[in-house]
Amino acid sequence: MNYLKLILLPVICITAISCQKGISYPPERPTTENETDDKERTSIDYGDFRIDASELSAKGASGFQAYSSKAWKKGVVPVKFHSNISKANQDLFYKACQAWGKVAKVSCRTKGLFDSNYLYVTNTKAANRCWTELGAGASGGERVFNFAADWCWNSVSLLHELGHVLGLMHEHQRPDRDTYIQVFPENAGDMAYSYDKLSLGAMDNSGPYDFYSIMHYWNGAYSVNGKLIMVPRPGFETFASIMGHATTLSIGDQTLIQKIYGAR
C-alpha cells in the first residue's frame, strides 16, 4: 500500500503550549464555529483540511478510512481570489505555490472564464479558521481555501495548505504512522479527529516516514491540556523537536509531489 506526506524547522519545545509561540503548524487552536454553508455541512473536518463526506469510505477493520483524492489536471490550479484578499496576500499565495512548482510540474494561475474546476481563496468562512479542501475533488467544481485569520498568512502556513490543495494529507495521518509515533488523541479534546488515520490511494506516499515533512504537525498541535499528542517511538526519539517545524519542503515532500505530478 502507498502512503502520503508533508510539514515545518527544528525548534525545541519544552511544553506543547510553548510551541505555539514559535514557528509551527498549525500555529494555534482554532475556534469552533457554526457554519451554514451546505457544502461545508457535508464535509469531514480534519482541522486544517476537509474532505467531502460522500467521497470518504467507512472505517474498516484496518482502523482507517480511504479517500480517492484527485490531482489537478496537468498540475494547473486555477485560482479565484475573494475581493477582500489583499494584493500582498495574493502575492504570498503565489510565491508559496511557486515553491512547489520549482520541484514539480504544478502551477497556480488566475481562473479563466472556462475553468470549471478551480480554487476559491477567501477569508469569509469560519472566522479565525484556516483550512482548505483536499485535492481537486472527485467531481471537480469549486474548491474552497479559507484563510480567515491574519496569522495564517505566512510562507509556512501557505506551503502546508497548498500541499493539501495539491492532494497531500498529513504525514502523521498515514496508516502506518503507529510504527513511528504514539498518538494520544484524548489530549486534543474535540479536535481529536484531526489525528485520524487516512489512506489516499493513488495519491499516497510509499516512501519512508518523514518527520521533516512540511505536512507534519508539531507534537502538541491542538492540545487542550498542555500535554503532548504525538511522541516518537523508541528509535525515533531525536525527531521529537523536529517534527512540525519545517519551513521549507523536505526531500521527501519533493519526491512525493514529483511522483504525483512529475519532476521539473
Protein backbone atom coordinates (compact mmCIF):
# COMPACT_ATOMS: atom_id res chain seq x y z
CA MET A 1 0.00 0.00 0.00
CA ASN A 2 1.18 3.54 -0.69
CA TYR A 3 1.18 6.39 1.83
CA LEU A 4 1.25 10.30 1.83
CA LYS A 5 3.18 13.19 3.44
CA LEU A 6 4.18 16.87 4.34
CA ILE A 7 5.46 19.70 7.38
CA LEU A 8 7.75 22.70 9.04
CA LEU A 9 12.08 23.83 11.07
CA PRO A 10 13.69 22.48 14.23
CA VAL A 11 12.68 24.21 17.44
CA ILE A 12 12.84 22.53 20.84
CA CYS A 13 9.51 22.54 22.66
CA ILE A 14 9.65 22.35 26.43
CA THR A 15 5.87 22.05 26.60
CA ALA A 16 3.16 21.68 24.00
CA ILE A 17 1.93 25.20 24.64
CA SER A 18 5.38 26.77 24.20
CA CYS A 19 5.49 25.65 20.59
CA GLN A 20 2.50 27.82 19.82
CA LYS A 21 4.74 30.85 20.31
CA GLY A 22 7.21 29.76 17.62
CA ILE A 23 7.15 28.55 14.04
CA SER A 24 4.93 25.51 13.94
CA TYR A 25 1.83 24.25 12.20
CA PRO A 26 -0.98 24.64 13.00
CA PRO A 27 0.02 27.83 14.83
CA GLU A 28 -2.86 27.81 17.29
CA ARG A 29 -6.03 26.03 18.23
CA PRO A 30 -8.98 27.07 16.02
CA THR A 31 -12.26 28.31 17.37
CA THR A 32 -15.39 26.23 16.90
CA GLU A 33 -17.97 27.93 14.72
CA ASN A 34 -21.40 27.03 13.42
CA GLU A 35 -21.17 27.04 9.65
CA THR A 36 -24.27 27.10 7.50
CA ASP A 37 -22.86 26.52 4.03
CA ASP A 38 -24.47 23.34 2.62
CA LYS A 39 -21.21 22.20 1.07
CA GLU A 40 -19.37 22.55 4.38
CA ARG A 41 -22.03 20.60 6.26
CA THR A 42 -21.31 17.56 4.06
CA SER A 43 -17.56 17.76 4.70
CA ILE A 44 -15.43 15.88 7.19
CA ASP A 45 -13.22 18.37 9.06
CA TYR A 46 -9.63 17.31 9.82
CA GLY A 47 -8.56 20.59 11.40
CA ASP A 48 -6.89 22.38 8.51
CA PHE A 49 -8.27 20.36 5.60
CA ARG A 50 -11.65 18.99 4.64
CA ILE A 51 -12.92 16.02 2.65
CA ASP A 52 -16.36 15.60 1.12
CA ALA A 53 -18.14 13.01 3.27
CA SER A 54 -19.63 11.31 0.21
CA GLU A 55 -16.11 10.58 -1.08
CA LEU A 56 -14.80 9.02 2.13
CA SER A 57 -15.11 5.31 2.89
CA ALA A 58 -16.34 3.89 6.17
CA LYS A 59 -13.66 2.99 8.72
CA GLY A 60 -12.85 -0.69 8.29
CA ALA A 61 -11.21 -3.28 10.50
CA SER A 62 -7.87 -1.79 9.48
CA GLY A 63 -8.70 1.30 11.56
CA PHE A 64 -8.55 3.95 8.85
CA GLN A 65 -10.72 5.47 6.15
CA ALA A 66 -9.88 5.84 2.47
CA TYR A 67 -10.38 8.84 0.19
CA SER A 68 -9.80 8.96 -3.55
CA SER A 69 -8.03 12.30 -3.86
CA LYS A 70 -7.55 13.56 -7.41
CA ALA A 71 -4.67 15.54 -8.83
CA TRP A 72 -5.24 18.81 -10.68
CA LYS A 73 -5.36 18.38 -14.45
CA LYS A 74 -1.87 18.93 -15.89
CA GLY A 75 -0.85 20.21 -12.44
CA VAL A 76 -2.55 23.58 -13.03
CA VAL A 77 -4.58 25.16 -10.21
CA PRO A 78 -6.83 27.98 -11.47
CA VAL A 79 -7.31 30.49 -8.64
CA LYS A 80 -10.08 32.95 -7.87
CA PHE A 81 -9.49 35.40 -5.00
CA HIS A 82 -12.27 36.93 -2.95
CA SER A 83 -12.31 40.71 -3.42
CA ASN A 84 -11.04 41.38 0.11
CA ILE A 85 -7.87 39.26 -0.20
CA SER A 86 -5.15 41.90 -0.37
CA LYS A 87 -2.64 42.09 -3.20
CA ALA A 88 0.14 41.41 -0.68
CA ASN A 89 -1.54 38.19 0.45
CA GLN A 90 -2.22 37.16 -3.14
CA ASP A 91 1.49 37.58 -3.82
CA LEU A 92 2.33 35.45 -0.77
CA PHE A 93 -0.03 32.76 -2.03
CA TYR A 94 1.55 32.66 -5.50
CA LYS A 95 5.06 32.64 -4.02
CA ALA A 96 4.20 29.56 -1.94
CA CYS A 97 2.72 27.87 -4.99
CA GLN A 98 5.91 28.64 -6.92
CA ALA A 99 7.93 26.84 -4.22
CA TRP A 100 6.04 23.64 -5.06
CA GLY A 101 6.32 24.47 -8.76
CA LYS A 102 10.11 24.68 -8.60
CA VAL A 103 10.36 20.95 -7.90
CA ALA A 104 7.30 19.53 -9.70
CA LYS A 105 5.10 20.26 -12.68
CA VAL A 106 2.50 22.25 -10.75
CA SER A 107 1.47 25.88 -11.06
CA CYS A 108 -1.19 28.37 -9.96
CA ARG A 109 -2.78 30.95 -12.27
CA THR A 110 -5.79 33.23 -12.39
CA LYS A 111 -9.07 31.40 -13.03
CA GLY A 112 -10.24 31.71 -16.62
CA LEU A 113 -13.79 32.00 -17.89
CA PHE A 114 -13.97 28.32 -18.82
CA ASP A 115 -12.26 26.85 -15.76
CA SER A 116 -14.92 24.76 -14.04
CA ASN A 117 -12.53 23.18 -11.52
CA TYR A 118 -10.78 25.92 -9.56
CA LEU A 119 -9.64 27.08 -6.13
CA TYR A 120 -11.60 29.86 -4.41
CA VAL A 121 -9.33 31.70 -1.96
CA THR A 122 -11.38 33.53 0.65
CA ASN A 123 -11.36 34.69 4.28
CA THR A 124 -15.13 34.79 4.76
CA LYS A 125 -15.84 31.30 6.15
CA ALA A 126 -15.42 30.40 9.83
CA ALA A 127 -13.64 33.36 11.42
CA ASN A 128 -10.23 32.56 12.91
CA ARG A 129 -10.06 29.27 10.98
CA CYS A 130 -7.59 28.30 8.25
CA TRP A 131 -8.34 25.28 6.07
CA THR A 132 -8.69 24.06 2.52
CA GLU A 133 -10.47 21.26 0.72
CA LEU A 134 -8.18 18.37 -0.16
CA GLY A 135 -7.13 17.91 -3.78
CA ALA A 136 -9.03 18.80 -6.92
CA GLY A 137 -12.12 16.89 -5.79
CA ALA A 138 -13.64 13.73 -7.24
CA SER A 139 -16.23 15.73 -9.20
CA GLY A 140 -14.30 18.97 -9.76
CA GLY A 141 -16.11 22.26 -9.29
CA GLU A 142 -15.16 24.99 -6.83
CA ARG A 143 -12.64 24.05 -4.13
CA VAL A 144 -12.54 26.34 -1.09
CA PHE A 145 -9.35 27.70 0.51
CA ASN A 146 -10.27 29.64 3.66
CA PHE A 147 -7.63 31.78 5.42
CA ALA A 148 -9.80 33.81 7.78
CA ALA A 149 -7.16 34.58 10.41
CA ASP A 150 -4.35 37.08 9.89
CA TRP A 151 -1.77 34.73 11.43
CA CYS A 152 -2.42 32.23 8.63
CA TRP A 153 -0.88 34.50 6.02
CA ASN A 154 2.76 33.43 6.21
CA SER A 155 5.00 31.32 3.98
CA VAL A 156 4.97 28.22 6.21
CA SER A 157 1.18 28.02 6.58
CA LEU A 158 0.72 28.62 2.86
CA LEU A 159 3.25 25.93 1.90
CA HIS A 160 1.46 23.47 4.17
CA GLU A 161 -2.05 24.29 2.96
CA LEU A 162 -1.02 24.26 -0.69
CA GLY A 163 0.25 20.75 -0.07
CA HIS A 164 -3.35 19.86 0.84
CA VAL A 165 -4.62 21.71 -2.23
CA LEU A 166 -2.34 19.57 -4.39
CA GLY A 167 -3.76 16.45 -2.75
CA LEU A 168 -1.49 15.63 0.18
CA MET A 169 -2.67 14.70 3.65
CA HIS A 170 -0.74 14.95 6.91
CA GLU A 171 2.31 12.77 7.41
CA HIS A 172 1.14 11.81 10.90
CA GLN A 173 -2.17 10.51 9.49
CA ARG A 174 -0.52 7.82 7.39
CA PRO A 175 -1.99 4.36 8.08
CA ASP A 176 1.49 3.16 9.10
CA ARG A 177 2.18 6.05 11.47
CA ASP A 178 1.86 3.93 14.64
CA THR A 179 5.17 2.30 13.77
CA TYR A 180 6.89 5.67 14.19
CA ILE A 181 4.83 7.69 16.67
CA GLN A 182 2.46 7.08 19.55
CA VAL A 183 -0.63 9.28 19.37
CA PHE A 184 -2.72 10.46 22.35
CA PRO A 185 -5.79 11.99 20.66
CA GLU A 186 -7.53 12.49 24.01
CA ASN A 187 -5.15 15.41 24.62
CA ALA A 188 -6.63 17.17 21.58
CA GLY A 189 -10.16 17.24 23.01
CA ASP A 190 -12.78 17.90 20.35
CA MET A 191 -10.01 18.21 17.73
CA ALA A 192 -9.01 14.55 18.17
CA TYR A 193 -10.40 13.72 14.72
CA SER A 194 -7.55 15.72 13.17
CA TYR A 195 -5.31 12.77 14.12
CA ASP A 196 -7.45 10.06 12.46
CA LYS A 197 -5.55 7.78 10.11
CA LEU A 198 -6.34 8.04 6.39
CA SER A 199 -5.40 6.46 3.09
CA LEU A 200 -5.46 8.45 -0.15
CA GLY A 201 -4.96 5.56 -2.56
CA ALA A 202 -3.04 6.57 -5.67
CA MET A 203 -2.08 9.91 -4.09
CA ASP A 204 -0.42 8.27 -1.08
CA ASN A 205 3.28 8.08 -0.43
CA SER A 206 5.17 4.80 -0.38
CA GLY A 207 8.42 6.33 0.89
CA PRO A 208 9.81 6.25 4.43
CA TYR A 209 8.02 8.15 7.18
CA ASP A 210 9.16 11.78 7.05
CA PHE A 211 9.46 13.69 10.34
CA TYR A 212 10.91 16.60 8.32
CA SER A 213 7.85 16.93 6.07
CA ILE A 214 6.05 20.27 5.68
CA MET A 215 2.89 18.19 6.16
CA HIS A 216 3.68 17.01 9.71
CA TYR A 217 2.15 18.66 12.79
CA TRP A 218 4.26 19.54 15.81
CA ASN A 219 3.79 17.24 18.77
CA GLY A 220 1.31 19.38 20.73
CA ALA A 221 -0.87 20.79 17.93
CA TYR A 222 -4.45 21.38 19.21
CA SER A 223 -3.57 20.24 22.74
CA VAL A 224 -6.26 21.25 25.23
CA ASN A 225 -4.26 20.49 28.36
CA GLY A 226 -0.63 21.30 27.53
CA LYS A 227 0.22 17.60 27.14
CA LEU A 228 1.88 16.12 24.08
CA ILE A 229 -0.29 14.44 21.47
CA MET A 230 2.45 12.73 19.45
CA VAL A 231 5.52 11.00 20.90
CA PRO A 232 8.13 9.29 18.69
CA ARG A 233 8.51 5.55 19.24
CA PRO A 234 11.79 4.11 20.58
CA GLY A 235 14.49 4.61 17.99
CA PHE A 236 12.93 7.83 16.70
CA GLU A 237 13.21 9.99 19.84
CA THR A 238 15.54 12.54 18.21
CA PHE A 239 12.69 13.67 15.95
CA ALA A 240 10.58 14.96 18.87
CA SER A 241 11.95 18.50 18.47
CA ILE A 242 11.97 18.35 14.66
CA MET A 243 8.51 17.21 13.56
CA GLY A 244 6.13 20.02 12.73
CA HIS A 245 8.77 22.73 12.47
CA ALA A 246 9.81 22.65 8.81
CA THR A 247 9.90 25.94 6.94
CA THR A 248 10.71 24.51 3.50
CA LEU A 249 9.84 21.37 1.55
CA SER A 250 11.71 18.31 2.71
CA ILE A 251 13.41 15.91 0.31
CA GLY A 252 10.51 13.55 0.97
CA ASP A 253 7.96 16.26 0.10
CA GLN A 254 9.78 16.95 -3.14
CA THR A 255 9.94 13.26 -4.05
CA LEU A 256 6.24 12.79 -3.36
CA ILE A 257 4.98 15.78 -5.32
CA GLN A 258 7.20 14.72 -8.24
CA LYS A 259 5.74 11.23 -8.05
CA ILE A 260 2.24 12.64 -8.47
CA TYR A 261 2.79 15.47 -10.96
CA GLY A 262 6.22 14.81 -12.46
CA ALA A 263 9.58 16.46 -11.83
CA ARG A 264 10.72 19.78 -13.29
